[in-house]
Structures are given as structure tokens and as C-alpha cells.
Amino acid sequence: MSNPNDDPGSPTGRIGKAALVVSAGILLSRVLGMLRNVALAGLLGNTAEGDAFQAAFVIPDVLFYLMAGGYLTVTFIPILTRYLVRGEEEEGHRAFAAVFRPVAIVMFVLTVLAMVFAGSLTDLVYPRFDPQQAEEVARLTRIVLPAQIFFVLGSLWMAVQYAHQRFAIPAVAPVVYNLGIIAGGLLSWATGTASAAGFAWGAVGGAFAGNFALQWYGARRAGLRWVSGVPLRHPALREYLALALPLMLGQSIAVLDEQFVRLFGQLTEEGGISALTYARRLNMLPVGVIAQTAGVAAYPFLARLVEEGKLREMAATVTRTVRYTIFISAPAVAAILALSQPAVRVVYERGEFGQQDTLLTAAALVFYGLSIPAWGAHQIYARAFYARRQMWTPVIIGTAGTAAAVGVYWWLSRYDEPGFALASTLVISLYTFALAATWHARMGREGVSRILSSLVRSALGAAVAGSVGWLVVQWISGDDLPNFWGSFGLLAVGVGVVLGVYAATTRLLGSPELRDLQHRFGSS
């Protein structure tokens, strides 16, 4: 008997196709993000200037979050999807204009105010920085701030494309953004004055090209047409504000996690912020490819199922997507546990980034790696609530998690960089558990046992694969940290061992996810 989910027209089949497009873009973006971090580490290193560059993004990012910028696509997709399901495309154009215009005005005004008061805000956020470093952070902050306008407005154009189930051009946005940062840094290096400012200007250029101009083009291709004269009292604006307001008032730990790294990193020695950031971003490579792909690809389909009243099918899709996400995330955890040192050395160790920096960053990476499955499940559960327009639930849980996170970070700050990384993992794991428990309490517990079974099998498979991979790496390398090519070879061998052992172990454990994936790829 054939599996109905193998039908390309089924929600799972369509999500799978979308996931391929999204994952390709995210993978390329993350690879370029690694190259960006390579350039940053090589030219700036774990230094005060490197810390200043990382710190300069805190105020712009907080402004972006206060505008619910990270959730603009989340809030607008259900609104636009309803018009599309009803066949009211013209009214969808009017809804877009009603939301876009006030968002653009407010974002522009807030950006100007943030630029004016950047110095005072920097002193408030970074009291431990000396005056010279604080002044440099303020200068870099003013450079970076305009990029937030491009991010916010571009997010609305992305929402239009997602609602039409077009994923290719939005997937290119972070690719162009990372290229801009790399180009800015290399250009400053080529002129003989490698500096954080070059990278900052590159970020602004990348945001304009990838997140603003390119997304405007993509939205036009999807059929968006600007409608003039739309009144402020249009119902779409009221609905958008009702959905976005909780996200503006409450800030989830999932959103603020990177800012916590930058804020609490000032409690460490010089270069601590940079080391934590480099470790976190290396960990976010699999998080982005696995977790973000699953969330971005699934969300438009979940929103459509809700609009069509197919809530049971929607709940089953959430359960299935969480199971696959956990299964695919587990070997990434195993690989990081086994290969953190060679991975950091291959990616970062050159120029200003030395062997001690490698050991420090790798130690933090081990604890970050444990968070990958939690990040993946969080992406699905949070978007499931958003698809049902239940914005307050993840916001209340996430805001409570943020308050608890402050205590966890302070408690583990005694362990320096590894302690902060462990704090991040603990907090996102608890937040995801709370989301999952709330979701299944409301939508039924039918899928809980299947998710738990997948989690146990995947965890056992990852434990065995990670242990074998680590033993193989230790047997090959001994006590000495190998050079670049030696580390590269260890990575290649280690990844192969981890994946092979994980597949064999989960097969012995009877993993249905492995069987389904083999069937899908084998029959394609």
C-alpha cells in the first residue's frame, strides 16, 4: 500500500519540495556565513575590535525585534493567505499597502532616533567597555542601523512570495547579505586598512541588495501590485497590529539568544564576545540548514491548512515534521561532539585567530551543539501557533523563558565561555519543551508517543555515533592538534564515521524516519 504522504500534492510532499529550495538557499547562505566569519576571525580575531564589531549589532537588532521584524513574514502570511484562498487577490494588494506604509514610516523614524542616541544607548548596554571601545561601538552602530529598514520592509515582500508558495528569491536574501559583508571586509583589507567599519558598510550594502531590492523584485514577480489611496482603517492593518503587538511586547529567548551572548560576553576576558559568537555561528550552520528549513518550508502550508479548516491534518503535519527534524538533527549533534576542535581549526584558525582561540571556541561549541534538536523543534511548534494566529501563547512562554534565562546566564557565568554556551542550550531546550507541552495539551496527545519514540531512538543513535566518531578522531590524531590539512582530513573521516554509525544504529533500532527517507530518495 502506498503512503499518501508520498503524493507530491500532499502537504508533506509539497513541504518536501519547498524544503529542497529553502535548504539549498540556507545551505549556501550558511556556507557564505562561515566564509564571512573566516574573514572576521582572520582580520579581526578575538580582539577588542572584534568585540566592538559584534557589539555594534545589538542596538540595531533590538530595534528590529521591537518592530517585530523577525515576525513580519509570520504575521502577514496568514492575512494574505486568507485573501488568496478566497480568490480576493486585489484585496490582498490593498492589505499589503495598508500594512507596508505605516511600518515603513515608523521604522524610518525609529532608526533616525537610534542613530542620534547611539552613544548614550551604547553606554547603557555596555557599561564594562572603556570609553574608547564604547565610542567605537557607537560609531559602528550608526553605520549598521539603516540596514534594519531594509530588513523590515524586505520581510513584507518575502511574506508575499511565501504566501504564493515561492521560496527561491527569499532564499537568496541571506546569501547576498553575507556576500556584502565579505566584500566590505575584503575591500577594507585590500586598501591596507582592514577594519570593523569595512565589514559594517558591507552589511548595509548586502541588506539593501539582498533583503530590499531583490525582494521587491520577487514580490512583483509574484504578482504584487501597489494600490494607492488605501485608508489607514483598512481591516488588514488592524489585524496585523493585533497579531504583531504580542510579538512587539514580548521578546522570546529564541530571538534574543544571540544578544544574550553579546551582552553577557562582556563579563569574560577581552575577546570573549568574539569567541562565543564564532562558536554559536558555527553551530547555527546545521541549525539553519535543518531547523530553519523545516520551519520556513512548513509555515505557508500550515497556514493554508488552517484557513481551509483542516486542523487535524495540520496537527498531524506538525507532528510528522517535528519527528523528521529531530531525526535529522541528531547526527549533527554527534558530529559536533566528536569534531569540534578540527572543525573550528579548519574554519577559523588563521591570521589573528590562533591555536588558543581554537581551543576556547571549540569548548563553547561542544555545549552549543547539544541545542540543535531543540532549535529544530522550536521552529515547528512556534510556527504552528502562529499559523493558528495564537500569537500570545509563544510570546508569553518565550518572555517567561527570557526572564529565566537571565538567571541561568548569571548562574553559569562562573564557567566563562563554555558556561554561557551551556546556558544557551538549557534555555532554548526548556522553552521548546514548554511550547511542545502546550501545543499537545491543546491539539491532542496523539503524536506525543511517536515524537518521544523518535527522540529516544535519535538520541541513542547520536550517542553511539558521537562516541565512535570521537574515538576514531582521537586514535588518528593522538594528543596533538593537527594542522589545517590534517584537521580537514579528520573532519572528512569523522563525518563519514558519524553518519555511517548513526544510520546503522537507528536501523537496528527500527527508526521509521530512516525507513521513510530511504523510501523517498530510493523511489525518486
Protein backbone atom coordinates (compact mmCIF):
# COMPACT_ATOMS: atom_id res chain seq x y z
CA MET A 1 0.00 0.00 0.00
CA SER A 2 1.41 3.41 -0.93
CA ASN A 3 1.87 6.08 1.65
CA PRO A 4 -0.45 9.05 1.00
CA ASN A 5 2.29 11.34 2.14
CA ASP A 6 4.37 10.22 -0.84
CA ASP A 7 1.89 12.04 -3.09
CA PRO A 8 3.67 15.17 -4.38
CA GLY A 9 0.39 17.04 -3.95
CA SER A 10 0.02 16.16 -0.27
CA PRO A 11 1.08 18.69 2.38
CA THR A 12 4.12 16.60 3.24
CA GLY A 13 5.07 16.26 -0.42
CA ARG A 14 4.70 19.98 -1.06
CA ILE A 15 6.61 20.83 2.12
CA GLY A 16 9.34 18.48 0.96
CA LYS A 17 9.67 20.26 -2.38
CA ALA A 18 9.69 23.66 -0.70
CA ALA A 19 12.24 22.39 1.81
CA LEU A 20 14.62 21.45 -1.00
CA VAL A 21 14.52 25.00 -2.36
CA VAL A 22 14.80 26.62 1.07
CA SER A 23 17.53 24.26 2.27
CA ALA A 24 19.63 24.93 -0.83
CA GLY A 25 19.45 28.68 -0.20
CA ILE A 26 20.08 28.33 3.52
CA LEU A 27 22.99 25.94 2.97
CA LEU A 28 24.62 28.37 0.55
CA SER A 29 23.92 31.23 2.94
CA ARG A 30 25.43 29.36 5.88
CA VAL A 31 28.50 28.43 3.87
CA LEU A 32 28.95 32.08 2.95
CA GLY A 33 28.25 32.95 6.58
CA MET A 34 31.15 30.71 7.53
CA LEU A 35 33.33 32.47 4.96
CA ARG A 36 32.21 35.78 6.47
CA ASN A 37 33.23 34.54 9.91
CA VAL A 38 36.52 33.26 8.49
CA ALA A 39 37.22 36.76 7.20
CA LEU A 40 36.19 38.32 10.51
CA ALA A 41 38.29 35.90 12.54
CA GLY A 42 41.31 36.24 10.27
CA LEU A 43 41.26 40.03 10.03
CA LEU A 44 39.86 40.99 13.45
CA GLY A 45 40.37 37.87 15.59
CA ASN A 46 39.31 37.53 19.23
CA THR A 47 40.26 41.16 19.93
CA ALA A 48 38.70 44.32 21.29
CA GLU A 49 37.97 45.45 17.72
CA GLY A 50 36.30 42.11 17.00
CA ASP A 51 34.20 42.50 20.15
CA ALA A 52 33.24 46.04 19.09
CA PHE A 53 32.03 44.81 15.70
CA GLN A 54 29.85 42.10 17.27
CA ALA A 55 28.54 44.51 19.91
CA ALA A 56 27.56 47.08 17.25
CA PHE A 57 24.68 44.84 16.12
CA VAL A 58 22.91 44.71 19.48
CA ILE A 59 21.04 48.03 19.29
CA PRO A 60 20.06 47.62 15.60
CA ASP A 61 18.87 44.07 16.27
CA VAL A 62 16.82 45.13 19.29
CA LEU A 63 15.19 47.83 17.17
CA PHE A 64 14.40 45.16 14.57
CA TYR A 65 12.85 42.95 17.27
CA LEU A 66 10.80 45.80 18.74
CA MET A 67 9.23 46.25 15.33
CA ALA A 68 8.55 42.50 15.32
CA GLY A 69 10.81 42.49 12.28
CA GLY A 70 11.71 38.85 12.70
CA TYR A 71 7.99 38.03 12.69
CA LEU A 72 6.76 40.23 9.85
CA THR A 73 6.53 37.30 7.48
CA VAL A 74 4.94 35.21 10.24
CA THR A 75 2.24 37.79 10.95
CA PHE A 76 1.47 38.81 7.38
CA ILE A 77 1.40 35.37 5.70
CA PRO A 78 -1.88 34.25 7.38
CA ILE A 79 -3.52 37.58 6.49
CA LEU A 80 -2.54 37.42 2.83
CA THR A 81 -3.22 33.68 2.62
CA ARG A 82 -6.83 34.20 3.59
CA TYR A 83 -7.35 36.60 0.68
CA LEU A 84 -5.65 34.19 -1.71
CA VAL A 85 -7.75 31.22 -0.53
CA ARG A 86 -10.89 33.30 -1.11
CA GLY A 87 -9.70 34.39 -4.56
CA GLU A 88 -9.60 38.06 -3.46
CA GLU A 89 -6.16 38.91 -4.84
CA GLU A 90 -6.96 42.58 -5.42
CA GLU A 91 -7.94 42.97 -1.78
CA GLY A 92 -4.69 41.26 -0.89
CA HIS A 93 -2.83 44.07 -2.72
CA ARG A 94 -4.76 46.64 -0.71
CA ALA A 95 -3.96 44.77 2.51
CA PHE A 96 -0.26 44.87 1.68
CA ALA A 97 -0.33 48.63 1.07
CA ALA A 98 -2.25 49.18 4.31
CA VAL A 99 0.45 47.40 6.33
CA PHE A 100 3.56 48.44 4.39
CA ARG A 101 3.06 52.20 4.59
CA PRO A 102 2.85 52.71 8.39
CA VAL A 103 5.54 50.08 9.04
CA ALA A 104 7.93 51.93 6.71
CA ILE A 105 7.25 55.31 8.35
CA VAL A 106 7.63 54.06 11.93
CA MET A 107 10.79 52.09 11.12
CA PHE A 108 12.41 55.11 9.47
CA VAL A 109 11.65 57.39 12.44
CA LEU A 110 12.93 54.87 15.00
CA THR A 111 16.12 54.31 13.02
CA VAL A 112 16.88 58.03 12.92
CA LEU A 113 16.28 58.34 16.68
CA ALA A 114 18.54 55.34 17.37
CA MET A 115 21.31 56.92 15.29
CA VAL A 116 21.03 60.18 17.22
CA PHE A 117 21.18 58.48 20.63
CA ALA A 118 23.59 55.66 19.71
CA GLY A 119 26.27 56.93 22.10
CA SER A 120 24.01 57.03 25.15
CA LEU A 121 22.47 53.67 24.31
CA THR A 122 25.91 52.07 23.95
CA ASP A 123 26.99 53.37 27.37
CA LEU A 124 23.80 51.89 28.83
CA VAL A 125 24.17 48.48 27.20
CA TYR A 126 27.95 48.08 27.64
CA PRO A 127 28.93 49.68 30.96
CA ARG A 128 32.07 47.49 31.19
CA PHE A 129 33.57 48.85 27.96
CA ASP A 130 36.18 51.57 28.30
CA PRO A 131 35.33 54.97 26.72
CA GLN A 132 37.36 54.34 23.57
CA GLN A 133 35.78 50.96 22.88
CA ALA A 134 32.29 52.31 23.67
CA GLU A 135 32.85 55.16 21.21
CA GLU A 136 33.89 52.66 18.52
CA VAL A 137 30.77 50.57 19.17
CA ALA A 138 28.57 53.67 18.82
CA ARG A 139 30.27 54.61 15.54
CA LEU A 140 29.78 51.14 14.09
CA THR A 141 26.20 51.05 15.36
CA ARG A 142 25.33 54.20 13.40
CA ILE A 143 26.73 52.59 10.25
CA VAL A 144 24.72 49.38 10.70
CA LEU A 145 21.37 50.87 11.76
CA PRO A 146 19.96 51.73 8.27
CA ALA A 147 20.18 48.05 7.34
CA GLN A 148 17.24 47.41 9.68
CA ILE A 149 14.95 49.42 7.41
CA PHE A 150 15.88 47.13 4.54
CA PHE A 151 15.33 44.02 6.66
CA VAL A 152 11.89 45.09 7.88
CA LEU A 153 10.47 46.21 4.54
CA GLY A 154 12.04 43.27 2.76
CA SER A 155 10.34 40.90 5.20
CA LEU A 156 6.93 42.09 3.98
CA TRP A 157 7.92 41.46 0.37
CA MET A 158 9.14 38.00 1.40
CA ALA A 159 5.75 37.32 3.02
CA VAL A 160 4.04 37.98 -0.31
CA GLN A 161 6.28 35.44 -2.02
CA TYR A 162 5.83 32.83 0.72
CA ALA A 163 2.05 33.23 0.60
CA HIS A 164 2.24 32.42 -3.12
CA GLN A 165 4.50 29.45 -2.19
CA ARG A 166 7.50 30.97 -3.93
CA PHE A 167 10.68 30.34 -1.98
CA ALA A 168 13.63 30.81 -4.34
CA ILE A 169 14.19 34.59 -4.21
CA PRO A 170 13.69 34.90 -0.42
CA ALA A 171 16.22 32.09 -0.01
CA VAL A 172 18.79 34.22 -1.87
CA ALA A 173 18.50 37.19 0.55
CA PRO A 174 20.93 35.95 3.25
CA VAL A 175 23.32 34.82 0.51
CA VAL A 176 23.57 38.35 -0.86
CA TYR A 177 23.76 39.80 2.65
CA ASN A 178 26.74 37.62 3.56
CA LEU A 179 28.43 38.41 0.26
CA GLY A 180 28.06 42.10 1.10
CA ILE A 181 29.75 41.69 4.49
CA ILE A 182 32.59 39.66 2.98
CA ALA A 183 33.07 42.17 0.16
CA GLY A 184 33.13 45.10 2.60
CA GLY A 185 35.75 43.44 4.80
CA LEU A 186 37.95 42.36 1.92
CA LEU A 187 37.72 45.78 0.31
CA SER A 188 38.92 47.43 3.52
CA TRP A 189 41.74 44.87 3.73
CA ALA A 190 42.72 45.46 0.10
CA THR A 191 43.07 49.18 0.76
CA GLY A 192 45.51 48.39 3.58
CA THR A 193 43.18 49.37 6.44
CA ALA A 194 41.36 46.17 7.43
CA SER A 195 38.77 47.34 9.95
CA ALA A 196 35.41 46.55 11.50
CA ALA A 197 33.94 49.54 9.63
CA GLY A 198 34.54 47.84 6.29
CA PHE A 199 32.52 44.83 7.40
CA ALA A 200 29.79 47.15 8.77
CA TRP A 201 29.41 49.04 5.48
CA GLY A 202 29.32 45.70 3.68
CA ALA A 203 26.42 44.62 5.92
CA VAL A 204 24.41 47.69 4.92
CA GLY A 205 25.10 47.12 1.21
CA GLY A 206 24.21 43.44 1.46
CA ALA A 207 20.96 44.21 3.29
CA PHE A 208 19.94 46.74 0.64
CA ALA A 209 20.69 44.45 -2.29
CA GLY A 210 19.52 41.10 -0.90
CA ASN A 211 16.76 41.94 1.57
CA PHE A 212 15.34 45.08 -0.03
CA ALA A 213 15.87 45.45 -3.77
CA LEU A 214 15.82 41.75 -4.64
CA GLN A 215 12.72 41.05 -2.52
CA TRP A 216 10.86 43.95 -4.12
CA TYR A 217 11.60 42.31 -7.47
CA GLY A 218 10.45 38.90 -6.17
CA ALA A 219 7.19 40.30 -4.82
CA ARG A 220 6.50 41.99 -8.16
CA ARG A 221 7.13 38.68 -9.92
CA ALA A 222 4.65 37.01 -7.56
CA GLY A 223 2.02 39.48 -8.79
CA LEU A 224 2.11 42.17 -6.12
CA ARG A 225 0.77 45.49 -7.32
CA TRP A 226 0.91 48.72 -5.32
CA VAL A 227 -2.52 50.22 -4.63
CA SER A 228 -2.75 53.91 -3.75
CA GLY A 229 -5.30 55.55 -1.52
CA VAL A 230 -5.78 52.65 0.88
CA PRO A 231 -7.26 54.07 4.12
CA LEU A 232 -5.47 53.65 7.45
CA ARG A 233 -8.60 51.98 8.81
CA HIS A 234 -8.25 49.05 6.45
CA PRO A 235 -9.06 45.84 8.41
CA ALA A 236 -5.75 44.24 7.38
CA LEU A 237 -3.79 46.85 9.37
CA ARG A 238 -5.90 46.26 12.47
CA GLU A 239 -5.43 42.52 12.11
CA TYR A 240 -1.70 42.91 11.57
CA LEU A 241 -1.37 45.06 14.70
CA ALA A 242 -3.40 42.55 16.72
CA LEU A 243 -1.06 39.75 15.59
CA ALA A 244 2.18 41.75 15.83
CA LEU A 245 1.53 43.53 19.13
CA PRO A 246 2.22 40.47 21.30
CA LEU A 247 5.47 39.93 19.40
CA MET A 248 6.47 43.55 19.97
CA LEU A 249 5.67 43.50 23.68
CA GLY A 250 7.18 40.12 24.45
CA GLN A 251 10.63 39.05 23.35
CA SER A 252 11.35 35.33 23.07
CA ILE A 253 14.65 33.84 24.19
CA ALA A 254 14.89 32.28 20.72
CA VAL A 255 15.10 35.79 19.29
CA LEU A 256 17.32 37.29 21.99
CA ASP A 257 19.73 34.38 22.36
CA GLU A 258 22.43 35.99 20.21
CA GLN A 259 22.03 39.28 22.05
CA PHE A 260 22.49 37.49 25.37
CA VAL A 261 25.80 36.17 24.03
CA ARG A 262 26.92 39.70 23.18
CA LEU A 263 25.67 41.23 26.43
CA PHE A 264 26.91 38.62 28.89
CA GLY A 265 30.09 38.14 26.88
CA GLN A 266 31.38 41.39 28.32
CA LEU A 267 31.74 39.53 31.64
CA THR A 268 34.53 37.43 30.11
CA GLU A 269 38.06 38.44 29.18
CA GLU A 270 38.80 40.52 26.07
CA GLY A 271 37.79 38.55 23.00
CA GLY A 272 35.12 36.55 24.85
CA ILE A 273 32.25 38.01 22.84
CA SER A 274 34.03 37.10 19.62
CA ALA A 275 34.80 33.54 20.75
CA LEU A 276 31.19 32.90 21.78
CA THR A 277 29.88 34.44 18.58
CA TYR A 278 32.15 32.34 16.37
CA ALA A 279 31.18 29.15 18.22
CA ARG A 280 27.47 29.97 18.08
CA ARG A 281 27.56 30.78 14.39
CA LEU A 282 29.34 27.55 13.56
CA ASN A 283 26.64 25.73 15.49
CA MET A 284 23.96 27.68 13.62
CA LEU A 285 25.13 26.15 10.34
CA PRO A 286 23.27 22.87 10.95
CA VAL A 287 20.57 24.73 12.88
CA GLY A 288 19.90 26.91 9.84
CA VAL A 289 20.04 24.13 7.28
CA ILE A 290 17.85 21.76 9.32
CA ALA A 291 15.69 23.81 11.67
CA GLN A 292 15.15 26.97 9.65
CA THR A 293 14.48 24.95 6.51
CA ALA A 294 11.79 22.94 8.27
CA GLY A 295 10.12 25.99 9.77
CA VAL A 296 10.20 28.23 6.71
CA ALA A 297 9.06 25.48 4.32
CA ALA A 298 6.27 24.20 6.56
CA TYR A 299 4.72 27.50 7.66
CA PRO A 300 2.84 28.58 4.50
CA PHE A 301 1.32 25.11 4.22
CA LEU A 302 0.31 25.08 7.87
CA ALA A 303 -1.32 28.49 7.44
CA ARG A 304 -3.24 27.25 4.40
CA LEU A 305 -4.45 24.12 6.21
CA VAL A 306 -5.76 26.34 9.00
CA GLU A 307 -7.58 28.60 6.52
CA GLU A 308 -9.11 25.50 4.90
CA GLY A 309 -10.28 24.23 8.29
CA LYS A 310 -8.15 21.07 8.18
CA LEU A 311 -6.94 21.26 11.76
CA ARG A 312 -6.41 17.52 12.26
CA GLU A 313 -4.33 17.33 9.11
CA MET A 314 -2.44 20.40 10.26
CA ALA A 315 -1.70 18.83 13.68
CA ALA A 316 -0.54 15.60 12.02
CA THR A 317 1.75 17.61 9.74
CA VAL A 318 3.28 19.35 12.76
CA THR A 319 3.95 16.02 14.48
CA ARG A 320 5.48 14.49 11.37
CA THR A 321 7.70 17.50 10.70
CA VAL A 322 8.97 17.56 14.30
CA ARG A 323 9.84 13.85 14.13
CA TYR A 324 11.85 14.25 10.92
CA THR A 325 13.56 17.38 12.23
CA ILE A 326 14.70 15.61 15.41
CA PHE A 327 15.91 12.60 13.43
CA ILE A 328 17.97 14.72 11.03
CA SER A 329 19.30 16.97 13.82
CA ALA A 330 20.72 14.17 15.94
CA PRO A 331 23.72 13.24 13.74
CA ALA A 332 24.65 16.94 13.59
CA VAL A 333 24.91 16.89 17.40
CA ALA A 334 27.06 13.76 17.22
CA ALA A 335 29.37 15.34 14.64
CA ILE A 336 29.90 18.48 16.73
CA LEU A 337 30.64 16.47 19.88
CA ALA A 338 33.21 14.37 18.03
CA LEU A 339 34.74 17.01 15.76
CA SER A 340 34.55 20.42 17.47
CA GLN A 341 38.31 21.09 17.52
CA PRO A 342 39.13 20.14 13.91
CA ALA A 343 36.01 21.97 12.75
CA VAL A 344 36.99 25.22 14.47
CA ARG A 345 40.58 24.91 13.27
CA VAL A 346 39.56 24.40 9.63
CA VAL A 347 37.03 27.22 9.66
CA TYR A 348 38.73 29.89 11.78
CA GLU A 349 42.38 29.32 12.65
CA ARG A 350 44.39 31.72 10.51
CA GLY A 351 45.63 35.30 10.74
CA GLU A 352 44.69 36.85 14.09
CA PHE A 353 42.91 33.66 15.22
CA GLY A 354 45.43 31.33 16.93
CA GLN A 355 45.53 27.87 18.50
CA GLN A 356 44.37 29.07 21.92
CA ASP A 357 41.41 30.73 20.24
CA THR A 358 40.61 27.39 18.60
CA LEU A 359 40.60 25.54 21.93
CA LEU A 360 38.43 28.20 23.59
CA THR A 361 35.91 28.37 20.73
CA ALA A 362 35.73 24.56 20.39
CA ALA A 363 34.97 24.19 24.10
CA ALA A 364 31.98 26.51 23.73
CA LEU A 365 30.89 24.79 20.50
CA VAL A 366 30.51 21.41 22.26
CA PHE A 367 27.84 22.82 24.57
CA TYR A 368 26.14 24.79 21.79
CA GLY A 369 25.90 21.62 19.70
CA LEU A 370 23.54 19.97 22.17
CA SER A 371 20.89 22.58 21.32
CA ILE A 372 20.38 21.65 17.64
CA PRO A 373 17.30 19.37 18.05
CA ALA A 374 15.66 21.90 20.38
CA TRP A 375 16.15 24.68 17.84
CA GLY A 376 14.60 22.49 15.16
CA ALA A 377 11.51 21.53 17.16
CA HIS A 378 11.10 25.13 18.32
CA GLN A 379 10.89 26.36 14.73
CA ILE A 380 7.97 23.99 14.06
CA TYR A 381 5.97 24.45 17.25
CA ALA A 382 6.27 28.25 17.26
CA ARG A 383 5.10 28.48 13.66
CA ALA A 384 2.24 26.07 14.39
CA PHE A 385 0.91 28.55 16.96
CA TYR A 386 1.44 31.46 14.56
CA ALA A 387 -0.40 29.65 11.78
CA ARG A 388 -3.42 29.43 14.10
CA ARG A 389 -2.99 33.12 14.97
CA GLN A 390 -2.31 32.21 18.61
CA MET A 391 0.49 34.74 18.96
CA TRP A 392 0.18 35.29 22.69
CA THR A 393 0.98 31.70 23.64
CA PRO A 394 4.58 31.50 22.35
CA VAL A 395 5.14 35.13 23.36
CA ILE A 396 4.11 34.55 26.99
CA ILE A 397 6.12 31.34 27.21
CA GLY A 398 9.08 32.93 25.44
CA THR A 399 9.05 36.07 27.58
CA ALA A 400 8.94 33.97 30.74
CA GLY A 401 11.84 31.99 29.32
CA THR A 402 13.77 35.20 28.69
CA ALA A 403 13.34 36.27 32.31
CA ALA A 404 14.51 32.85 33.48
CA ALA A 405 17.43 32.97 31.04
CA VAL A 406 18.96 35.95 32.82
CA GLY A 407 19.28 33.88 35.98
CA VAL A 408 20.65 30.88 34.10
CA TYR A 409 23.27 33.00 32.38
CA TRP A 410 24.35 34.62 35.65
CA TRP A 411 24.47 31.23 37.36
CA LEU A 412 26.70 29.69 34.67
CA SER A 413 28.83 32.81 34.08
CA ARG A 414 31.42 31.40 36.51
CA TYR A 415 32.35 28.86 33.84
CA ASP A 416 33.23 31.52 31.26
CA GLU A 417 32.57 30.77 27.56
CA PRO A 418 31.51 27.09 27.99
CA GLY A 419 29.13 28.17 30.75
CA PHE A 420 27.44 30.74 28.53
CA ALA A 421 27.09 28.18 25.74
CA LEU A 422 25.53 25.66 28.14
CA ALA A 423 23.16 28.35 29.41
CA SER A 424 22.00 28.99 25.84
CA THR A 425 21.35 25.28 25.29
CA LEU A 426 19.47 24.82 28.56
CA VAL A 427 17.23 27.82 27.98
CA ILE A 428 16.23 27.01 24.38
CA SER A 429 15.59 23.38 25.38
CA LEU A 430 13.28 24.37 28.24
CA TYR A 431 11.49 26.88 26.03
CA THR A 432 10.91 24.28 23.32
CA PHE A 433 9.64 21.75 25.87
CA ALA A 434 7.13 24.29 27.21
CA LEU A 435 5.92 25.09 23.67
CA ALA A 436 5.56 21.40 22.82
CA ALA A 437 3.68 20.60 26.04
CA THR A 438 1.27 23.48 25.49
CA TRP A 439 0.69 22.58 21.84
CA HIS A 440 -0.13 18.94 22.52
CA ALA A 441 -2.30 19.82 25.51
CA ARG A 442 -4.45 21.91 23.16
CA MET A 443 -4.31 19.88 19.96
CA GLY A 444 -4.33 16.35 21.39
CA ARG A 445 -1.67 13.97 22.54
CA GLU A 446 -1.93 11.52 19.66
CA GLY A 447 1.51 12.31 18.29
CA VAL A 448 3.37 12.64 21.60
CA SER A 449 4.36 8.98 21.87
CA ARG A 450 5.66 8.95 18.29
CA ILE A 451 7.72 12.09 18.91
CA LEU A 452 9.16 10.67 22.14
CA SER A 453 10.00 7.39 20.40
CA SER A 454 11.77 9.32 17.64
CA LEU A 455 13.63 11.37 20.23
CA VAL A 456 14.84 8.31 22.16
CA ARG A 457 15.97 6.44 19.04
CA SER A 458 17.68 9.51 17.63
CA ALA A 459 19.42 10.30 20.94
CA LEU A 460 20.72 6.73 21.25
CA GLY A 461 21.91 6.80 17.67
CA ALA A 462 23.66 10.14 18.20
CA ALA A 463 25.30 8.96 21.44
CA VAL A 464 26.74 5.87 19.77
CA ALA A 465 27.77 7.75 16.61
CA GLY A 466 29.35 10.62 18.54
CA SER A 467 31.28 8.28 20.82
CA VAL A 468 32.63 6.18 17.95
CA GLY A 469 33.48 9.29 15.95
CA TRP A 470 35.36 10.81 18.89
CA LEU A 471 37.32 7.60 19.49
CA VAL A 472 38.29 7.40 15.82
CA VAL A 473 39.44 11.04 15.81
CA GLN A 474 41.48 10.50 19.00
CA TRP A 475 43.01 7.32 17.59
CA ILE A 476 44.08 9.08 14.39
CA SER A 477 45.28 12.39 15.87
CA GLY A 478 46.55 11.38 19.30
CA ASP A 479 47.18 14.22 21.74
CA ASP A 480 48.42 16.72 19.16
CA LEU A 481 46.12 19.16 17.39
CA PRO A 482 46.83 18.58 13.68
CA ASN A 483 47.48 21.30 11.12
CA PHE A 484 44.87 22.62 8.69
CA TRP A 485 45.00 19.74 6.21
CA GLY A 486 45.23 17.19 9.00
CA SER A 487 42.15 18.72 10.61
CA PHE A 488 40.38 18.78 7.25
CA GLY A 489 41.09 15.08 6.81
CA LEU A 490 39.83 14.36 10.33
CA LEU A 491 36.62 16.21 9.50
CA ALA A 492 36.05 14.18 6.36
CA VAL A 493 36.74 10.86 8.10
CA GLY A 494 34.85 11.82 11.23
CA VAL A 495 31.70 12.97 9.42
CA GLY A 496 31.67 9.74 7.40
CA VAL A 497 32.05 7.63 10.54
CA VAL A 498 29.35 9.55 12.43
CA LEU A 499 26.81 9.33 9.62
CA GLY A 500 27.53 5.66 8.97
CA VAL A 501 27.29 4.64 12.62
CA TYR A 502 24.15 6.78 13.12
CA ALA A 503 22.42 5.18 10.14
CA ALA A 504 23.38 1.68 11.27
CA THR A 505 22.32 2.27 14.86
CA THR A 506 18.95 3.80 14.02
CA ARG A 507 18.31 1.00 11.52
CA LEU A 508 18.88 -1.56 14.30
CA LEU A 509 16.52 0.47 16.50
CA GLY A 510 13.84 0.29 13.80
CA SER A 511 13.64 4.01 13.04
CA PRO A 512 10.61 4.71 10.80
CA GLU A 513 12.11 8.06 9.83
CA LEU A 514 15.16 6.35 8.34
CA ARG A 515 12.97 3.88 6.51
CA ASP A 516 10.73 6.61 5.11
CA LEU A 517 13.68 8.72 3.97
CA GLN A 518 15.28 5.73 2.24
CA HIS A 519 11.98 5.01 0.52
CA ARG A 520 11.55 8.60 -0.64
CA PHE A 521 15.06 9.01 -2.01
CA GLY A 522 15.18 5.49 -3.35
CA SER A 523 11.98 5.97 -5.33
CA SER A 524 12.82 9.46 -6.59
